[in-house]
N, C-alpha and C. Protein backbone atom coordinates (compact mmCIF):
# COMPACT_ATOMS: atom_id res chain seq x y z
N MET A 1 58.92 -38.27 9.70
CA MET A 1 58.77 -38.84 8.36
C MET A 1 57.38 -39.37 8.14
N LYS A 2 57.00 -40.27 9.11
CA LYS A 2 55.74 -40.93 8.94
C LYS A 2 54.63 -39.99 9.03
N GLN A 3 54.72 -38.96 9.82
CA GLN A 3 53.68 -37.91 10.01
C GLN A 3 53.50 -37.16 8.59
N LEU A 4 54.64 -36.98 7.99
CA LEU A 4 54.56 -36.28 6.60
C LEU A 4 53.90 -37.17 5.63
N LEU A 5 54.26 -38.34 5.76
CA LEU A 5 53.50 -39.25 4.53
C LEU A 5 51.97 -39.27 4.94
N LEU A 6 51.54 -39.43 6.18
CA LEU A 6 50.16 -39.47 6.64
C LEU A 6 49.57 -38.13 6.17
N SER A 7 50.08 -37.13 6.41
CA SER A 7 49.52 -35.84 6.19
C SER A 7 49.36 -35.61 4.52
N LEU A 8 50.36 -36.14 3.82
CA LEU A 8 50.17 -35.88 2.28
C LEU A 8 49.14 -36.91 1.72
N LEU A 9 48.98 -38.08 2.47
CA LEU A 9 47.83 -39.21 2.04
C LEU A 9 46.46 -38.59 2.44
N LEU A 10 46.41 -37.75 3.60
CA LEU A 10 45.07 -37.09 3.81
C LEU A 10 44.79 -35.89 2.81
N LEU A 11 45.58 -35.32 2.33
CA LEU A 11 45.51 -34.20 1.26
C LEU A 11 44.89 -34.71 0.10
N ILE A 12 45.24 -35.94 -0.41
CA ILE A 12 45.03 -36.44 -1.76
C ILE A 12 43.61 -36.57 -1.98
N PRO A 13 42.86 -37.18 -1.13
CA PRO A 13 41.30 -37.15 -1.37
C PRO A 13 40.69 -35.73 -1.32
N LEU A 14 41.23 -34.76 -0.64
CA LEU A 14 40.70 -33.53 -0.65
C LEU A 14 40.60 -32.90 -2.00
N ALA A 15 41.77 -33.01 -2.78
CA ALA A 15 41.99 -32.63 -4.01
C ALA A 15 40.98 -33.10 -4.94
N SER A 16 40.47 -34.26 -4.87
CA SER A 16 39.64 -34.76 -5.76
C SER A 16 38.14 -34.13 -5.60
N PHE A 17 37.99 -33.26 -4.53
CA PHE A 17 36.72 -32.49 -4.36
C PHE A 17 36.83 -31.14 -4.89
N ALA A 18 37.91 -30.76 -5.36
CA ALA A 18 38.10 -29.38 -5.94
C ALA A 18 37.27 -29.33 -7.24
N LEU A 19 36.64 -28.04 -7.25
CA LEU A 19 35.71 -27.94 -8.56
C LEU A 19 36.74 -27.67 -9.71
N ASP A 20 36.17 -28.39 -10.80
CA ASP A 20 36.94 -28.14 -12.19
C ASP A 20 35.85 -27.38 -12.99
N ILE A 21 36.45 -27.04 -14.23
CA ILE A 21 35.64 -26.31 -15.12
C ILE A 21 34.35 -27.03 -15.53
N ASP A 22 34.60 -28.28 -16.07
CA ASP A 22 33.47 -29.22 -16.58
C ASP A 22 32.34 -29.26 -15.49
N THR A 23 32.86 -29.50 -14.28
CA THR A 23 31.79 -29.60 -13.24
C THR A 23 31.10 -28.52 -12.93
N ALA A 24 31.80 -27.44 -12.94
CA ALA A 24 31.14 -26.04 -12.60
C ALA A 24 30.31 -25.68 -13.78
N LYS A 25 30.57 -25.96 -15.07
CA LYS A 25 29.70 -25.68 -16.07
C LYS A 25 28.51 -26.71 -16.09
N SER A 26 28.67 -27.87 -15.76
CA SER A 26 27.44 -28.80 -15.73
C SER A 26 26.41 -28.40 -14.61
N GLN A 27 27.19 -27.88 -13.50
CA GLN A 27 26.20 -27.49 -12.41
C GLN A 27 25.63 -26.00 -12.50
N GLY A 28 25.99 -25.46 -13.72
CA GLY A 28 25.42 -24.17 -14.05
C GLY A 28 25.91 -22.94 -13.26
N LEU A 29 27.28 -23.18 -12.64
CA LEU A 29 27.78 -22.20 -11.88
C LEU A 29 28.56 -21.16 -12.80
N ILE A 30 29.21 -21.66 -13.77
CA ILE A 30 29.95 -20.76 -14.61
C ILE A 30 29.48 -20.80 -16.18
N GLY A 31 29.81 -19.95 -16.89
CA GLY A 31 29.45 -19.88 -18.23
C GLY A 31 30.45 -19.13 -19.36
N GLU A 32 30.29 -19.32 -20.46
CA GLU A 32 31.20 -18.64 -21.37
C GLU A 32 30.64 -17.25 -21.71
N GLN A 33 31.63 -16.24 -22.07
CA GLN A 33 31.07 -15.02 -22.50
C GLN A 33 31.58 -14.54 -23.70
N PRO A 34 31.07 -13.60 -24.42
CA PRO A 34 31.59 -13.11 -25.78
C PRO A 34 32.84 -12.61 -25.68
N ASN A 35 33.34 -12.15 -24.49
CA ASN A 35 34.75 -11.52 -24.52
C ASN A 35 35.75 -12.52 -24.32
N GLY A 36 35.50 -13.78 -24.37
CA GLY A 36 36.49 -14.72 -24.21
C GLY A 36 36.68 -15.31 -22.97
N TYR A 37 36.19 -14.79 -21.94
CA TYR A 37 36.40 -15.36 -20.46
C TYR A 37 35.11 -15.85 -19.96
N LEU A 38 35.39 -16.68 -18.89
CA LEU A 38 34.34 -17.29 -18.12
C LEU A 38 33.81 -16.28 -17.28
N GLY A 39 32.46 -16.47 -16.94
CA GLY A 39 31.70 -15.58 -16.01
C GLY A 39 30.97 -16.33 -15.03
N LEU A 40 30.67 -15.80 -13.97
CA LEU A 40 29.96 -16.43 -12.60
C LEU A 40 28.35 -16.40 -13.06
N VAL A 41 27.71 -17.54 -13.14
CA VAL A 41 26.34 -17.39 -13.46
C VAL A 41 25.53 -17.49 -11.98
N VAL A 42 26.14 -18.22 -11.03
CA VAL A 42 25.73 -18.24 -9.65
C VAL A 42 26.72 -17.89 -8.66
N ASN A 43 26.37 -16.95 -7.76
CA ASN A 43 27.35 -16.51 -6.70
C ASN A 43 27.74 -17.67 -5.96
N ASN A 44 29.05 -18.15 -6.20
CA ASN A 44 29.65 -19.20 -5.45
C ASN A 44 31.19 -19.00 -5.29
N ALA A 45 31.79 -19.14 -4.42
CA ALA A 45 33.13 -18.67 -3.93
C ALA A 45 34.13 -19.54 -4.59
N GLU A 46 33.84 -20.85 -4.52
CA GLU A 46 34.71 -21.81 -5.34
C GLU A 46 34.86 -21.55 -6.68
N ALA A 47 33.50 -21.30 -7.32
CA ALA A 47 33.42 -21.24 -8.87
C ALA A 47 34.21 -19.75 -9.19
N LYS A 48 34.02 -18.78 -8.28
CA LYS A 48 34.79 -17.63 -8.46
C LYS A 48 36.22 -17.73 -8.69
N LYS A 49 36.72 -18.35 -7.67
CA LYS A 49 38.15 -18.52 -7.64
C LYS A 49 38.70 -19.38 -8.82
N LEU A 50 37.86 -20.51 -9.14
CA LEU A 50 38.07 -21.37 -10.42
C LEU A 50 38.21 -20.26 -11.61
N ILE A 51 37.13 -19.37 -11.98
CA ILE A 51 37.18 -18.62 -13.06
C ILE A 51 38.20 -17.54 -13.06
N ASP A 52 38.53 -17.01 -11.76
CA ASP A 52 39.64 -16.07 -11.80
C ASP A 52 40.97 -16.69 -12.28
N ASP A 53 41.22 -17.92 -11.84
CA ASP A 53 42.45 -18.46 -12.30
C ASP A 53 42.42 -18.77 -13.71
N ILE A 54 41.27 -19.46 -14.24
CA ILE A 54 41.24 -19.63 -15.69
C ILE A 54 41.39 -18.43 -16.49
N ASN A 55 40.74 -17.35 -16.04
CA ASN A 55 40.61 -16.24 -16.95
C ASN A 55 42.11 -15.50 -16.91
N ALA A 56 42.67 -15.71 -15.93
CA ALA A 56 44.08 -14.99 -15.81
C ALA A 56 45.03 -15.94 -16.67
N LYS A 57 44.85 -17.21 -16.92
CA LYS A 57 45.50 -18.01 -17.95
C LYS A 57 45.13 -17.58 -19.30
N ARG A 58 43.88 -17.54 -19.35
CA ARG A 58 43.34 -17.12 -20.78
C ARG A 58 43.79 -15.86 -21.36
N LYS A 59 43.78 -15.00 -20.41
CA LYS A 59 44.32 -13.51 -20.75
C LYS A 59 45.86 -13.62 -21.15
N ALA A 60 46.60 -14.45 -20.41
CA ALA A 60 47.93 -14.55 -20.88
C ALA A 60 48.17 -15.07 -22.05
N GLN A 61 47.25 -16.15 -22.40
CA GLN A 61 47.54 -16.88 -23.81
C GLN A 61 46.90 -15.83 -24.79
N TYR A 62 45.85 -15.03 -24.75
CA TYR A 62 45.33 -14.18 -25.45
C TYR A 62 46.48 -13.06 -25.90
N ALA A 63 46.99 -12.63 -24.83
CA ALA A 63 48.16 -11.54 -25.11
C ALA A 63 49.35 -12.07 -25.61
N GLN A 64 49.63 -13.25 -25.65
CA GLN A 64 50.71 -13.86 -26.58
C GLN A 64 50.41 -13.98 -27.86
N ILE A 65 49.02 -14.45 -28.12
CA ILE A 65 48.52 -14.55 -29.62
C ILE A 65 48.46 -13.06 -30.18
N ALA A 66 48.04 -12.15 -29.47
CA ALA A 66 47.94 -10.76 -29.93
C ALA A 66 49.35 -10.37 -30.35
N GLU A 67 50.36 -10.49 -29.36
CA GLU A 67 51.56 -9.85 -29.70
C GLU A 67 52.24 -10.62 -30.82
N ARG A 68 52.23 -11.92 -30.78
CA ARG A 68 52.70 -12.72 -31.97
C ARG A 68 52.26 -12.20 -33.30
N ASN A 69 50.82 -11.90 -33.27
CA ASN A 69 50.19 -11.63 -34.65
C ASN A 69 50.04 -10.12 -34.82
N ASN A 70 50.67 -9.35 -33.85
CA ASN A 70 50.56 -7.87 -34.06
C ASN A 70 49.24 -7.35 -34.06
N ILE A 71 48.07 -7.96 -33.38
CA ILE A 71 46.78 -7.42 -33.25
C ILE A 71 46.55 -6.93 -31.90
N ASP A 72 45.39 -6.20 -31.67
CA ASP A 72 44.82 -5.79 -30.49
C ASP A 72 44.47 -6.89 -29.62
N LEU A 73 44.67 -6.78 -28.44
CA LEU A 73 44.14 -7.87 -27.45
C LEU A 73 42.76 -8.11 -27.45
N HIS A 74 41.94 -7.00 -27.54
CA HIS A 74 40.39 -7.06 -27.93
C HIS A 74 39.97 -7.91 -28.84
N VAL A 75 40.70 -7.86 -30.08
CA VAL A 75 40.26 -8.67 -31.19
C VAL A 75 40.42 -10.19 -30.85
N VAL A 76 41.61 -10.56 -30.25
CA VAL A 76 41.92 -11.97 -29.84
C VAL A 76 40.80 -12.35 -28.89
N GLU A 77 40.48 -11.53 -27.89
CA GLU A 77 39.35 -11.99 -26.84
C GLU A 77 38.08 -12.19 -27.50
N LYS A 78 37.65 -11.33 -28.58
CA LYS A 78 36.43 -11.46 -29.20
C LYS A 78 36.37 -12.72 -30.18
N LEU A 79 37.43 -12.99 -30.68
CA LEU A 79 37.38 -14.13 -31.61
C LEU A 79 37.37 -15.53 -30.63
N ALA A 80 38.13 -15.36 -29.54
CA ALA A 80 38.09 -16.55 -28.67
C ALA A 80 36.63 -16.69 -28.09
N GLY A 81 35.94 -15.65 -27.71
CA GLY A 81 34.55 -15.66 -27.28
C GLY A 81 33.79 -16.23 -28.25
N GLU A 82 33.89 -15.94 -29.42
CA GLU A 82 33.05 -16.46 -30.40
C GLU A 82 33.24 -18.08 -30.44
N LYS A 83 34.52 -18.39 -30.55
CA LYS A 83 34.74 -19.72 -30.71
C LYS A 83 34.17 -20.47 -29.37
N THR A 84 34.54 -19.94 -28.17
CA THR A 84 34.17 -20.89 -27.03
C THR A 84 32.52 -20.96 -26.85
N ILE A 85 32.02 -19.94 -27.45
CA ILE A 85 30.41 -19.99 -27.41
C ILE A 85 29.98 -21.10 -28.24
N ASN A 86 30.59 -21.09 -29.38
CA ASN A 86 30.23 -21.93 -30.42
C ASN A 86 30.51 -23.39 -29.98
N LYS A 87 31.42 -23.68 -29.29
CA LYS A 87 31.85 -24.88 -28.68
C LYS A 87 31.14 -25.44 -27.39
N THR A 88 30.39 -24.46 -26.89
CA THR A 88 29.74 -24.77 -25.58
C THR A 88 28.75 -25.79 -25.81
N LYS A 89 28.68 -26.66 -24.86
CA LYS A 89 27.83 -27.84 -24.94
C LYS A 89 26.31 -27.40 -24.62
N PRO A 90 25.32 -28.09 -25.24
CA PRO A 90 23.99 -27.82 -25.04
C PRO A 90 23.58 -27.95 -23.41
N GLY A 91 23.04 -27.03 -22.97
CA GLY A 91 22.63 -27.19 -21.39
C GLY A 91 23.58 -26.22 -20.71
N HIS A 92 24.76 -25.86 -21.15
CA HIS A 92 25.61 -24.95 -20.44
C HIS A 92 25.33 -23.67 -20.75
N PHE A 93 25.82 -22.74 -19.79
CA PHE A 93 25.25 -21.38 -19.96
C PHE A 93 26.42 -20.36 -20.83
N ILE A 94 25.79 -19.54 -21.57
CA ILE A 94 26.46 -18.50 -22.39
C ILE A 94 25.84 -17.10 -21.96
N PHE A 95 26.71 -16.15 -22.20
CA PHE A 95 26.19 -14.86 -21.94
C PHE A 95 25.86 -14.24 -23.21
N ILE A 96 24.64 -14.01 -23.40
CA ILE A 96 24.31 -13.31 -24.77
C ILE A 96 23.29 -12.13 -24.56
N ASN A 97 23.47 -10.99 -25.21
CA ASN A 97 22.54 -9.78 -24.95
C ASN A 97 22.39 -9.44 -23.62
N GLY A 98 23.43 -9.55 -22.66
CA GLY A 98 23.27 -9.20 -21.35
C GLY A 98 22.76 -10.16 -20.51
N THR A 99 22.43 -11.46 -20.85
CA THR A 99 21.62 -12.29 -20.10
C THR A 99 22.31 -13.71 -20.23
N TRP A 100 22.40 -14.46 -19.05
CA TRP A 100 22.84 -15.83 -19.01
C TRP A 100 21.68 -16.78 -19.59
N SER A 101 22.10 -17.57 -20.47
CA SER A 101 21.05 -18.28 -21.23
C SER A 101 21.57 -19.69 -21.36
N LYS A 102 20.82 -20.79 -21.20
CA LYS A 102 21.24 -22.17 -21.53
C LYS A 102 21.45 -22.32 -23.16
N LYS A 103 22.41 -22.95 -23.53
CA LYS A 103 22.65 -23.05 -24.90
C LYS A 103 21.69 -24.38 -25.39
């Protein structure tokens, strides 16, 4: 029991080092795309894992919205892309006209 507790306590600080979306955007590793999904600006394994996870969640939400409103998934993705690009903070990356640019 004591070893289990110690192991759990040692894992807690490691979780604080995990990359989150705000940090990844601030570091210029990821950015928003017109298709409603995050994209990889800089080749980074941890950032890639993060965007894969977030994009899967986004796709599931988009699919629910599309089904609920009886519209095509691509319409929802495009609207979400416009919204997320408009909400992107200055200095963060967006993918426009085939190029990553700082907003």
